[in-house]
Amino acid sequence: MLKKSLVFVVALLLSFALFLPSALAFPPGTPSKSTAQSQLNALTVKTEGSMTGYSRDKFPHWIGQGNGCDTRQLVLQRDADSYSGSCPVTSGSWYSYYDGVTFTDPSDLDIDHVVPLAEAWRSGASSWTTAKREDFANDLSGPQLIAVSASSNRSKGDQDPSTWQPPRTAAACGYSKWWIRTKYKWGLSLQSSEKSALQGMLNSCIY
């Protein structure tokens, strides 16, 4: 009887697995809910800075990472369920976490800066050196970069969570954790409306 029950449970789990995306594209360094809450509480709340002097060129991105690869190519490889080609990646399978769509052509994907470069500028990066901004724009060690659909990335632009959140409701938890972790790691500030939005998103997390 016990054996039959175990077989049933395994079959049930496998049936659920068939409906889950095969590539979740979860970037590294995602904190737990409790850690993200502590980090959110520690962030400085202040009025957002201006865009004076901003240019994407002040955040050199997609730099060479060795072996003919740049940052974009490494994120495509990291976030793929499977892929062909090295640098460049020519095809594969990617699940866009923001909108729940799967893609096979890398040209349909953007590498999103979770905290946009312009948002970072307004939150403290305007005072950084170019070298530090380059490190930020190519940060592979934390959850600042993720491969997502070009359409979702471009609809987001440089907005913060008070005005843009992933269209897939279930992505709110992960997105808030990544945003909080990135701002905490890089010592960036946030505005009150942004903090309120992040808190609401974080509250949706189970763990």
N, C-alpha and C. Protein backbone atom coordinates (compact mmCIF):
# COMPACT_ATOMS: atom_id res chain seq x y z
N MET A 1 0.83 -1.20 0.00
CA MET A 1 0.00 0.00 0.00
C MET A 1 0.88 1.26 0.00
N LEU A 2 1.92 1.23 0.86
CA LEU A 2 2.83 2.35 0.95
C LEU A 2 3.56 2.56 -0.38
N LYS A 3 3.94 1.44 -0.99
CA LYS A 3 4.64 1.52 -2.26
C LYS A 3 3.77 2.17 -3.34
N LYS A 4 2.49 1.80 -3.36
CA LYS A 4 1.57 2.38 -4.33
C LYS A 4 1.39 3.88 -4.10
N SER A 5 1.35 4.25 -2.82
CA SER A 5 1.19 5.67 -2.49
C SER A 5 2.38 6.48 -2.96
N LEU A 6 3.58 5.92 -2.77
CA LEU A 6 4.78 6.61 -3.20
C LEU A 6 4.81 6.77 -4.71
N VAL A 7 4.40 5.72 -5.41
CA VAL A 7 4.36 5.77 -6.87
C VAL A 7 3.39 6.85 -7.33
N PHE A 8 2.26 6.96 -6.64
CA PHE A 8 1.26 7.97 -6.98
C PHE A 8 1.81 9.39 -6.79
N VAL A 9 2.49 9.59 -5.66
CA VAL A 9 3.06 10.91 -5.36
C VAL A 9 4.09 11.31 -6.41
N VAL A 10 4.97 10.37 -6.77
CA VAL A 10 5.99 10.65 -7.77
C VAL A 10 5.34 11.00 -9.11
N ALA A 11 4.32 10.22 -9.49
CA ALA A 11 3.62 10.49 -10.75
C ALA A 11 2.97 11.86 -10.74
N LEU A 12 2.41 12.22 -9.58
CA LEU A 12 1.76 13.53 -9.45
C LEU A 12 2.76 14.65 -9.61
N LEU A 13 3.91 14.52 -8.97
CA LEU A 13 4.95 15.55 -9.07
C LEU A 13 5.46 15.68 -10.50
N LEU A 14 5.61 14.56 -11.18
CA LEU A 14 6.07 14.60 -12.56
C LEU A 14 5.05 15.28 -13.47
N SER A 15 3.76 15.04 -13.18
CA SER A 15 2.73 15.68 -14.00
C SER A 15 2.75 17.18 -13.82
N PHE A 16 3.00 17.65 -12.59
CA PHE A 16 3.11 19.10 -12.36
C PHE A 16 4.32 19.66 -13.09
N ALA A 17 5.41 18.90 -13.10
CA ALA A 17 6.65 19.37 -13.71
C ALA A 17 6.49 19.64 -15.20
N LEU A 18 5.56 18.89 -15.83
CA LEU A 18 5.33 19.07 -17.25
C LEU A 18 4.80 20.46 -17.59
N PHE A 19 4.17 21.10 -16.61
CA PHE A 19 3.58 22.40 -16.84
C PHE A 19 4.46 23.55 -16.36
N LEU A 20 5.63 23.23 -15.85
CA LEU A 20 6.54 24.27 -15.39
C LEU A 20 7.53 24.61 -16.49
N PRO A 21 7.96 25.86 -16.60
CA PRO A 21 8.98 26.20 -17.59
C PRO A 21 10.28 25.48 -17.27
N SER A 22 10.97 25.06 -18.33
CA SER A 22 12.17 24.26 -18.10
C SER A 22 13.35 25.12 -17.70
N ALA A 23 13.33 26.41 -18.05
CA ALA A 23 14.42 27.31 -17.69
C ALA A 23 13.86 28.50 -16.92
N LEU A 24 14.20 28.61 -15.67
CA LEU A 24 13.64 29.68 -14.85
C LEU A 24 14.49 30.94 -14.84
N ALA A 25 15.70 30.85 -15.36
CA ALA A 25 16.55 32.04 -15.51
C ALA A 25 16.66 32.84 -14.23
N PHE A 26 16.88 32.15 -13.11
CA PHE A 26 17.01 32.83 -11.82
C PHE A 26 18.46 33.25 -11.66
N PRO A 27 18.74 34.54 -11.58
CA PRO A 27 20.13 35.00 -11.48
C PRO A 27 20.73 34.68 -10.11
N PRO A 28 22.04 34.73 -9.99
CA PRO A 28 22.70 34.40 -8.72
C PRO A 28 22.50 35.50 -7.68
N GLY A 29 22.67 35.12 -6.43
CA GLY A 29 22.64 36.11 -5.35
C GLY A 29 21.26 36.54 -4.91
N THR A 30 20.23 35.77 -5.26
CA THR A 30 18.87 36.12 -4.84
C THR A 30 18.74 35.89 -3.33
N PRO A 31 18.41 36.92 -2.56
CA PRO A 31 18.33 36.76 -1.10
C PRO A 31 17.02 36.11 -0.67
N SER A 32 16.98 35.62 0.54
CA SER A 32 15.74 35.11 1.12
C SER A 32 14.83 36.30 1.42
N LYS A 33 13.58 36.02 1.71
CA LYS A 33 12.64 37.10 2.03
C LYS A 33 13.11 37.88 3.25
N SER A 34 13.57 37.18 4.27
CA SER A 34 14.00 37.87 5.49
C SER A 34 15.23 38.73 5.26
N THR A 35 16.18 38.21 4.48
CA THR A 35 17.38 38.99 4.16
C THR A 35 17.02 40.21 3.33
N ALA A 36 16.15 40.02 2.33
CA ALA A 36 15.73 41.15 1.50
C ALA A 36 15.02 42.21 2.34
N GLN A 37 14.24 41.77 3.32
CA GLN A 37 13.54 42.73 4.18
C GLN A 37 14.54 43.55 4.99
N SER A 38 15.55 42.87 5.52
CA SER A 38 16.58 43.58 6.28
C SER A 38 17.33 44.57 5.40
N GLN A 39 17.62 44.16 4.17
CA GLN A 39 18.34 45.03 3.24
C GLN A 39 17.47 46.23 2.84
N LEU A 40 16.19 45.99 2.61
CA LEU A 40 15.28 47.08 2.27
C LEU A 40 15.21 48.09 3.42
N ASN A 41 15.11 47.58 4.63
CA ASN A 41 15.05 48.47 5.80
C ASN A 41 16.31 49.32 5.95
N ALA A 42 17.43 48.80 5.46
CA ALA A 42 18.72 49.49 5.62
C ALA A 42 18.99 50.53 4.54
N LEU A 43 18.21 50.51 3.45
CA LEU A 43 18.46 51.45 2.36
C LEU A 43 18.08 52.87 2.74
N THR A 44 18.85 53.82 2.24
CA THR A 44 18.59 55.24 2.50
C THR A 44 17.45 55.72 1.60
N VAL A 45 16.46 56.35 2.21
CA VAL A 45 15.34 56.93 1.46
C VAL A 45 15.60 58.42 1.28
N LYS A 46 15.60 58.87 0.03
CA LYS A 46 15.84 60.28 -0.24
C LYS A 46 15.24 60.65 -1.59
N THR A 47 15.13 61.92 -1.83
CA THR A 47 14.61 62.40 -3.11
C THR A 47 15.55 61.99 -4.23
N GLU A 48 14.97 61.55 -5.32
CA GLU A 48 15.77 61.08 -6.44
C GLU A 48 16.57 62.23 -7.06
N GLY A 49 17.79 61.91 -7.47
CA GLY A 49 18.64 62.90 -8.09
C GLY A 49 18.23 63.21 -9.52
N SER A 50 18.90 64.15 -10.15
CA SER A 50 18.57 64.56 -11.51
C SER A 50 19.30 63.69 -12.54
N MET A 51 18.89 63.87 -13.78
CA MET A 51 19.52 63.16 -14.89
C MET A 51 20.63 63.99 -15.52
N THR A 52 20.93 65.12 -14.96
CA THR A 52 21.97 66.00 -15.52
C THR A 52 23.29 65.25 -15.68
N GLY A 53 23.81 65.29 -16.88
CA GLY A 53 25.09 64.66 -17.16
C GLY A 53 25.02 63.19 -17.49
N TYR A 54 23.82 62.60 -17.43
CA TYR A 54 23.71 61.15 -17.66
C TYR A 54 23.92 60.78 -19.13
N SER A 55 24.58 59.65 -19.31
CA SER A 55 24.72 59.02 -20.63
C SER A 55 25.00 57.54 -20.39
N ARG A 56 24.41 56.68 -21.21
CA ARG A 56 24.70 55.25 -21.09
C ARG A 56 26.18 54.96 -21.31
N ASP A 57 26.83 55.85 -22.06
CA ASP A 57 28.26 55.67 -22.32
C ASP A 57 29.09 55.78 -21.04
N LYS A 58 28.52 56.37 -20.01
CA LYS A 58 29.22 56.49 -18.73
C LYS A 58 29.14 55.20 -17.92
N PHE A 59 28.42 54.20 -18.46
CA PHE A 59 28.33 52.87 -17.86
C PHE A 59 28.79 51.87 -18.93
N PRO A 60 30.06 51.77 -19.23
CA PRO A 60 30.51 50.85 -20.28
C PRO A 60 29.98 49.44 -20.01
N HIS A 61 29.18 48.91 -20.95
CA HIS A 61 28.57 47.61 -20.70
C HIS A 61 28.81 46.65 -21.87
N TRP A 62 28.59 45.40 -21.56
CA TRP A 62 28.87 44.28 -22.46
C TRP A 62 30.35 44.26 -22.82
N ILE A 63 31.15 44.40 -21.79
CA ILE A 63 32.61 44.38 -21.97
C ILE A 63 33.09 42.95 -22.21
N GLY A 64 34.28 42.82 -22.76
CA GLY A 64 34.87 41.51 -22.98
C GLY A 64 35.13 40.79 -21.67
N GLN A 65 34.79 39.49 -21.66
CA GLN A 65 34.97 38.68 -20.46
C GLN A 65 35.94 37.51 -20.68
N GLY A 66 36.66 37.55 -21.77
CA GLY A 66 37.62 36.49 -22.07
C GLY A 66 37.05 35.44 -23.00
N ASN A 67 37.92 34.75 -23.71
CA ASN A 67 37.54 33.68 -24.64
C ASN A 67 36.57 34.16 -25.71
N GLY A 68 36.68 35.42 -26.09
CA GLY A 68 35.82 35.96 -27.13
C GLY A 68 34.40 36.26 -26.70
N CYS A 69 34.12 36.18 -25.40
CA CYS A 69 32.77 36.42 -24.89
C CYS A 69 32.67 37.79 -24.24
N ASP A 70 31.49 38.40 -24.38
CA ASP A 70 31.22 39.61 -23.62
C ASP A 70 30.16 39.31 -22.57
N THR A 71 29.79 40.30 -21.79
CA THR A 71 28.86 40.08 -20.69
C THR A 71 27.52 39.56 -21.18
N ARG A 72 27.01 40.12 -22.27
CA ARG A 72 25.71 39.67 -22.80
C ARG A 72 25.74 38.19 -23.13
N GLN A 73 26.79 37.75 -23.78
CA GLN A 73 26.87 36.34 -24.18
C GLN A 73 26.92 35.41 -22.96
N LEU A 74 27.62 35.82 -21.92
CA LEU A 74 27.70 34.99 -20.72
C LEU A 74 26.34 34.89 -20.02
N VAL A 75 25.57 35.97 -20.02
CA VAL A 75 24.24 35.92 -19.40
C VAL A 75 23.31 35.04 -20.24
N LEU A 76 23.41 35.13 -21.55
CA LEU A 76 22.61 34.26 -22.41
C LEU A 76 22.92 32.79 -22.13
N GLN A 77 24.18 32.46 -21.95
CA GLN A 77 24.56 31.08 -21.65
C GLN A 77 24.06 30.67 -20.27
N ARG A 78 24.23 31.55 -19.30
CA ARG A 78 23.82 31.25 -17.92
C ARG A 78 22.33 31.02 -17.80
N ASP A 79 21.54 31.83 -18.50
CA ASP A 79 20.09 31.80 -18.32
C ASP A 79 19.38 30.84 -19.26
N ALA A 80 20.11 30.19 -20.15
CA ALA A 80 19.48 29.28 -21.11
C ALA A 80 19.21 27.92 -20.50
N ASP A 81 18.11 27.32 -20.93
CA ASP A 81 17.87 25.92 -20.60
C ASP A 81 18.83 25.05 -21.41
N SER A 82 19.05 25.47 -22.65
CA SER A 82 20.04 24.84 -23.53
C SER A 82 20.38 25.86 -24.60
N TYR A 83 21.56 25.74 -25.19
CA TYR A 83 21.93 26.69 -26.24
C TYR A 83 22.96 26.08 -27.18
N SER A 84 23.05 26.67 -28.37
CA SER A 84 24.03 26.27 -29.37
C SER A 84 24.92 27.46 -29.67
N GLY A 85 26.17 27.17 -30.02
CA GLY A 85 27.12 28.23 -30.26
C GLY A 85 27.73 28.69 -28.94
N SER A 86 28.86 29.31 -29.03
CA SER A 86 29.53 29.78 -27.82
C SER A 86 29.41 31.29 -27.73
N CYS A 87 30.24 31.98 -28.45
CA CYS A 87 30.17 33.44 -28.48
C CYS A 87 30.37 33.90 -29.91
N PRO A 88 29.29 34.16 -30.62
CA PRO A 88 27.95 34.37 -30.09
C PRO A 88 27.14 33.07 -29.94
N VAL A 89 26.18 33.12 -29.03
CA VAL A 89 25.17 32.08 -28.92
C VAL A 89 24.24 32.23 -30.13
N THR A 90 23.95 31.13 -30.82
CA THR A 90 23.17 31.23 -32.06
C THR A 90 21.71 30.80 -31.89
N SER A 91 21.44 29.92 -30.94
CA SER A 91 20.07 29.48 -30.71
C SER A 91 20.01 28.82 -29.34
N GLY A 92 18.81 28.51 -28.89
CA GLY A 92 18.66 27.87 -27.59
C GLY A 92 17.24 27.94 -27.10
N SER A 93 17.08 27.87 -25.79
CA SER A 93 15.75 27.98 -25.19
C SER A 93 15.87 28.82 -23.93
N TRP A 94 15.09 29.89 -23.88
CA TRP A 94 15.12 30.82 -22.74
C TRP A 94 13.70 31.10 -22.27
N TYR A 95 13.52 31.07 -20.98
CA TYR A 95 12.23 31.43 -20.38
C TYR A 95 12.34 32.85 -19.84
N SER A 96 11.53 33.75 -20.36
CA SER A 96 11.55 35.15 -19.91
C SER A 96 10.74 35.26 -18.62
N TYR A 97 11.45 35.45 -17.53
CA TYR A 97 10.83 35.46 -16.20
C TYR A 97 9.78 36.55 -16.03
N TYR A 98 9.98 37.67 -16.68
CA TYR A 98 9.07 38.81 -16.51
C TYR A 98 7.68 38.55 -17.07
N ASP A 99 7.62 37.88 -18.23
CA ASP A 99 6.33 37.71 -18.88
C ASP A 99 5.94 36.26 -19.18
N GLY A 100 6.79 35.31 -18.78
CA GLY A 100 6.43 33.90 -18.90
C GLY A 100 6.41 33.36 -20.31
N VAL A 101 7.22 33.94 -21.20
CA VAL A 101 7.28 33.50 -22.60
C VAL A 101 8.61 32.82 -22.86
N THR A 102 8.60 31.74 -23.65
CA THR A 102 9.83 31.03 -23.99
C THR A 102 10.29 31.42 -25.40
N PHE A 103 11.59 31.64 -25.55
CA PHE A 103 12.17 32.06 -26.83
C PHE A 103 13.27 31.09 -27.25
N THR A 104 13.49 30.99 -28.55
CA THR A 104 14.56 30.14 -29.08
C THR A 104 15.60 30.94 -29.87
N ASP A 105 15.29 32.19 -30.16
CA ASP A 105 16.21 33.05 -30.91
C ASP A 105 16.77 34.11 -29.96
N PRO A 106 18.09 34.13 -29.75
CA PRO A 106 18.68 35.10 -28.81
C PRO A 106 18.45 36.56 -29.21
N SER A 107 18.16 36.80 -30.47
CA SER A 107 17.91 38.18 -30.90
C SER A 107 16.59 38.71 -30.36
N ASP A 108 15.74 37.82 -29.86
CA ASP A 108 14.47 38.23 -29.26
C ASP A 108 14.62 38.60 -27.79
N LEU A 109 15.84 38.48 -27.28
CA LEU A 109 16.10 38.71 -25.87
C LEU A 109 16.95 39.95 -25.64
N ASP A 110 16.67 40.63 -24.56
CA ASP A 110 17.54 41.69 -24.05
C ASP A 110 18.13 41.22 -22.74
N ILE A 111 19.28 41.74 -22.38
CA ILE A 111 19.83 41.52 -21.05
C ILE A 111 19.42 42.73 -20.23
N ASP A 112 18.52 42.52 -19.30
CA ASP A 112 18.01 43.62 -18.49
C ASP A 112 18.94 43.94 -17.33
N HIS A 113 19.20 45.22 -17.14
CA HIS A 113 19.80 45.68 -15.89
C HIS A 113 18.62 45.83 -14.93
N VAL A 114 18.52 44.96 -13.94
CA VAL A 114 17.38 44.98 -13.03
C VAL A 114 17.18 46.39 -12.48
N VAL A 115 18.23 46.97 -11.94
CA VAL A 115 18.22 48.40 -11.61
C VAL A 115 18.80 49.10 -12.83
N PRO A 116 17.95 49.81 -13.59
CA PRO A 116 18.42 50.43 -14.83
C PRO A 116 19.58 51.40 -14.60
N LEU A 117 20.38 51.58 -15.63
CA LEU A 117 21.54 52.45 -15.51
C LEU A 117 21.14 53.88 -15.16
N ALA A 118 20.07 54.37 -15.79
CA ALA A 118 19.61 55.73 -15.48
C ALA A 118 19.10 55.83 -14.06
N GLU A 119 18.44 54.77 -13.59
CA GLU A 119 17.95 54.75 -12.21
C GLU A 119 19.12 54.76 -11.23
N ALA A 120 20.16 54.01 -11.56
CA ALA A 120 21.35 54.00 -10.71
C ALA A 120 21.98 55.40 -10.66
N TRP A 121 22.01 56.06 -11.82
CA TRP A 121 22.56 57.42 -11.88
C TRP A 121 21.81 58.34 -10.93
N ARG A 122 20.49 58.26 -10.95
CA ARG A 122 19.66 59.12 -10.10
C ARG A 122 19.74 58.75 -8.63
N SER A 123 20.26 57.54 -8.35
CA SER A 123 20.28 57.01 -6.98
C SER A 123 21.65 57.02 -6.34
N GLY A 124 22.63 57.64 -7.01
CA GLY A 124 23.95 57.74 -6.41
C GLY A 124 25.11 57.47 -7.33
N ALA A 125 24.87 56.79 -8.47
CA ALA A 125 25.97 56.42 -9.36
C ALA A 125 26.56 57.60 -10.12
N SER A 126 25.88 58.75 -10.08
CA SER A 126 26.43 59.92 -10.76
C SER A 126 27.76 60.36 -10.15
N SER A 127 27.99 59.99 -8.90
CA SER A 127 29.23 60.37 -8.22
C SER A 127 30.31 59.30 -8.32
N TRP A 128 30.01 58.18 -8.95
CA TRP A 128 30.98 57.09 -9.06
C TRP A 128 32.02 57.39 -10.15
N THR A 129 33.10 56.65 -10.09
CA THR A 129 34.08 56.67 -11.18
C THR A 129 33.52 55.85 -12.34
N THR A 130 34.06 56.08 -13.52
CA THR A 130 33.64 55.30 -14.68
C THR A 130 33.93 53.82 -14.46
N ALA A 131 35.03 53.51 -13.80
CA ALA A 131 35.39 52.11 -13.53
C ALA A 131 34.34 51.43 -12.66
N LYS A 132 33.84 52.13 -11.67
CA LYS A 132 32.81 51.54 -10.80
C LYS A 132 31.51 51.37 -11.56
N ARG A 133 31.18 52.34 -12.41
CA ARG A 133 29.95 52.21 -13.20
C ARG A 133 30.07 51.05 -14.19
N GLU A 134 31.25 50.82 -14.70
CA GLU A 134 31.47 49.66 -15.58
C GLU A 134 31.25 48.36 -14.81
N ASP A 135 31.77 48.28 -13.61
CA ASP A 135 31.56 47.08 -12.79
C ASP A 135 30.08 46.84 -12.53
N PHE A 136 29.35 47.91 -12.25
CA PHE A 136 27.92 47.81 -12.01
C PHE A 136 27.18 47.31 -13.24
N ALA A 137 27.52 47.85 -14.39
CA ALA A 137 26.81 47.52 -15.63
C ALA A 137 27.11 46.11 -16.13
N ASN A 138 28.14 45.49 -15.59
CA ASN A 138 28.54 44.14 -16.02
C ASN A 138 28.60 43.16 -14.86
N ASP A 139 27.82 43.42 -13.82
CA ASP A 139 27.89 42.64 -12.59
C ASP A 139 27.29 41.24 -12.76
N LEU A 140 28.14 40.25 -12.90
CA LEU A 140 27.70 38.86 -13.06
C LEU A 140 27.61 38.11 -11.73
N SER A 141 28.03 38.75 -10.65
CA SER A 141 28.09 38.07 -9.36
C SER A 141 26.79 38.19 -8.56
N GLY A 142 25.91 39.09 -8.97
CA GLY A 142 24.65 39.28 -8.25
C GLY A 142 23.48 39.23 -9.20
N PRO A 143 22.29 39.56 -8.70
CA PRO A 143 21.07 39.46 -9.53
C PRO A 143 20.75 40.71 -10.33
N GLN A 144 21.77 41.39 -10.82
CA GLN A 144 21.57 42.65 -11.54
C GLN A 144 21.31 42.44 -13.02
N LEU A 145 21.66 41.28 -13.57
CA LEU A 145 21.51 41.02 -15.00
C LEU A 145 20.66 39.78 -15.23
N ILE A 146 19.73 39.87 -16.17
CA ILE A 146 18.88 38.71 -16.48
C ILE A 146 18.41 38.80 -17.93
N ALA A 147 18.37 37.65 -18.61
CA ALA A 147 17.89 37.60 -19.99
C ALA A 147 16.36 37.54 -19.98
N VAL A 148 15.74 38.51 -20.63
CA VAL A 148 14.27 38.58 -20.69
C VAL A 148 13.85 38.98 -22.10
N SER A 149 12.56 38.91 -22.37
CA SER A 149 12.06 39.31 -23.68
C SER A 149 12.40 40.78 -23.93
N ALA A 150 12.75 41.08 -25.16
CA ALA A 150 13.07 42.46 -25.52
C ALA A 150 11.87 43.37 -25.26
N SER A 151 10.67 42.85 -25.50
CA SER A 151 9.47 43.68 -25.32
C SER A 151 9.27 44.08 -23.86
N SER A 152 9.50 43.15 -22.93
CA SER A 152 9.32 43.49 -21.51
C SER A 152 10.40 44.45 -21.04
N ASN A 153 11.62 44.24 -21.49
CA ASN A 153 12.71 45.13 -21.08
C ASN A 153 12.48 46.55 -21.60
N ARG A 154 11.99 46.66 -22.81
CA ARG A 154 11.81 47.99 -23.39
C ARG A 154 10.58 48.70 -22.85
N SER A 155 9.58 47.93 -22.41
CA SER A 155 8.42 48.57 -21.77
C SER A 155 8.81 49.10 -20.39
N LYS A 156 9.78 48.45 -19.76
CA LYS A 156 10.28 48.88 -18.46
C LYS A 156 11.09 50.17 -18.56
N GLY A 157 11.97 50.23 -19.56
CA GLY A 157 12.82 51.41 -19.71
C GLY A 157 13.65 51.65 -18.46
N ASP A 158 13.62 52.89 -17.93
CA ASP A 158 14.39 53.20 -16.73
C ASP A 158 13.49 53.41 -15.52
N GLN A 159 12.29 52.81 -15.55
CA GLN A 159 11.34 52.99 -14.46
C GLN A 159 11.70 52.16 -13.24
N ASP A 160 11.29 52.66 -12.06
CA ASP A 160 11.47 51.89 -10.83
C ASP A 160 10.16 51.15 -10.51
N PRO A 161 10.13 50.31 -9.49
CA PRO A 161 8.95 49.50 -9.21
C PRO A 161 7.68 50.27 -8.84
N SER A 162 7.79 51.56 -8.58
CA SER A 162 6.59 52.34 -8.30
C SER A 162 5.78 52.61 -9.56
N THR A 163 6.43 52.50 -10.72
CA THR A 163 5.72 52.75 -11.98
C THR A 163 5.78 51.59 -12.96
N TRP A 164 6.64 50.59 -12.71
CA TRP A 164 6.69 49.40 -13.57
C TRP A 164 7.00 48.17 -12.74
N GLN A 165 6.24 47.11 -12.98
CA GLN A 165 6.50 45.81 -12.38
C GLN A 165 6.30 44.76 -13.47
N PRO A 166 6.93 43.60 -13.34
CA PRO A 166 6.80 42.58 -14.38
C PRO A 166 5.34 42.25 -14.66
N PRO A 167 4.97 42.10 -15.93
CA PRO A 167 3.58 41.79 -16.27
C PRO A 167 3.09 40.46 -15.72
N ARG A 168 4.01 39.52 -15.49
CA ARG A 168 3.62 38.24 -14.88
C ARG A 168 3.60 38.44 -13.37
N THR A 169 2.42 38.35 -12.78
CA THR A 169 2.24 38.65 -11.36
C THR A 169 3.17 37.84 -10.46
N ALA A 170 3.39 36.58 -10.81
CA ALA A 170 4.22 35.70 -9.99
C ALA A 170 5.68 36.12 -9.97
N ALA A 171 6.08 37.03 -10.87
CA ALA A 171 7.47 37.48 -10.91
C ALA A 171 7.76 38.59 -9.92
N ALA A 172 6.73 39.12 -9.27
CA ALA A 172 6.91 40.27 -8.38
C ALA A 172 7.87 39.97 -7.23
N CYS A 173 7.75 38.79 -6.66
CA CYS A 173 8.60 38.44 -5.52
C CYS A 173 10.08 38.46 -5.91
N GLY A 174 10.43 37.68 -6.92
CA GLY A 174 11.83 37.61 -7.33
C GLY A 174 12.37 38.96 -7.76
N TYR A 175 11.57 39.71 -8.51
CA TYR A 175 12.01 41.01 -9.00
C TYR A 175 12.31 41.96 -7.85
N SER A 176 11.46 41.98 -6.84
CA SER A 176 11.69 42.87 -5.70
C SER A 176 12.98 42.48 -4.96
N LYS A 177 13.22 41.18 -4.81
CA LYS A 177 14.43 40.73 -4.14
C LYS A 177 15.68 41.15 -4.91
N TRP A 178 15.63 41.03 -6.23
CA TRP A 178 16.79 41.39 -7.06
C TRP A 178 17.04 42.88 -7.00
N TRP A 179 15.98 43.67 -7.06
CA TRP A 179 16.12 45.13 -7.01
C TRP A 179 16.72 45.56 -5.67
N ILE A 180 16.15 45.02 -4.60
CA ILE A 180 16.63 45.37 -3.25
C ILE A 180 18.08 44.97 -3.07
N ARG A 181 18.41 43.74 -3.46
CA ARG A 181 19.77 43.25 -3.30
C ARG A 181 20.77 44.10 -4.07
N THR A 182 20.41 44.49 -5.29
CA THR A 182 21.31 45.29 -6.12
C THR A 182 21.54 46.67 -5.51
N LYS A 183 20.47 47.31 -5.08
CA LYS A 183 20.64 48.64 -4.48
C LYS A 183 21.43 48.55 -3.16
N TYR A 184 21.20 47.50 -2.42
CA TYR A 184 21.92 47.33 -1.15
C TYR A 184 23.41 47.07 -1.42
N LYS A 185 23.69 46.17 -2.32
CA LYS A 185 25.08 45.82 -2.63
C LYS A 185 25.87 47.03 -3.11
N TRP A 186 25.23 47.88 -3.92
CA TRP A 186 25.94 48.99 -4.53
C TRP A 186 25.74 50.31 -3.79
N GLY A 187 25.07 50.28 -2.66
CA GLY A 187 24.94 51.48 -1.84
C GLY A 187 24.10 52.58 -2.47
N LEU A 188 23.08 52.18 -3.23
CA LEU A 188 22.22 53.16 -3.90
C LEU A 188 21.01 53.49 -3.02
N SER A 189 20.51 54.68 -3.16
CA SER A 189 19.35 55.12 -2.37
C SER A 189 18.05 54.76 -3.11
N LEU A 190 16.93 55.02 -2.46
CA LEU A 190 15.64 54.84 -3.11
C LEU A 190 14.68 55.90 -2.60
N GLN A 191 13.64 56.16 -3.38
CA GLN A 191 12.65 57.15 -2.96
C GLN A 191 11.50 56.45 -2.25
N SER A 192 10.68 57.22 -1.54
CA SER A 192 9.65 56.63 -0.69
C SER A 192 8.62 55.82 -1.48
N SER A 193 8.21 56.29 -2.65
CA SER A 193 7.23 55.55 -3.45
C SER A 193 7.80 54.22 -3.94
N GLU A 194 9.09 54.24 -4.25
CA GLU A 194 9.79 53.03 -4.68
C GLU A 194 9.85 52.02 -3.53
N LYS A 195 10.16 52.50 -2.33
CA LYS A 195 10.23 51.60 -1.17
C LYS A 195 8.86 50.99 -0.88
N SER A 196 7.81 51.77 -0.96
CA SER A 196 6.46 51.27 -0.71
C SER A 196 6.09 50.17 -1.71
N ALA A 197 6.44 50.40 -2.98
CA ALA A 197 6.15 49.41 -4.01
C ALA A 197 6.93 48.12 -3.77
N LEU A 198 8.19 48.27 -3.41
CA LEU A 198 9.03 47.10 -3.13
C LEU A 198 8.50 46.32 -1.93
N GLN A 199 8.04 47.03 -0.91
CA GLN A 199 7.52 46.35 0.26
C GLN A 199 6.27 45.53 -0.10
N GLY A 200 5.40 46.09 -0.92
CA GLY A 200 4.22 45.36 -1.35
C GLY A 200 4.57 44.12 -2.14
N MET A 201 5.57 44.23 -3.02
CA MET A 201 6.01 43.09 -3.81
C MET A 201 6.66 42.03 -2.94
N LEU A 202 7.49 42.49 -2.00
CA LEU A 202 8.17 41.55 -1.10
C LEU A 202 7.18 40.82 -0.22
N ASN A 203 6.09 41.48 0.14
CA ASN A 203 5.08 40.83 0.96
C ASN A 203 4.43 39.64 0.26
N SER A 204 4.52 39.63 -1.07
CA SER A 204 3.93 38.52 -1.83
C SER A 204 4.79 37.26 -1.79
N CYS A 205 6.03 37.40 -1.31
CA CYS A 205 6.95 36.25 -1.24
C CYS A 205 6.53 35.26 -0.16
N ILE A 206 6.69 33.99 -0.46
CA ILE A 206 6.43 32.95 0.53
C ILE A 206 7.67 32.72 1.38
N TYR A 207 8.83 32.82 0.77
CA TYR A 207 10.11 32.60 1.47
C TYR A 207 11.16 33.56 0.95
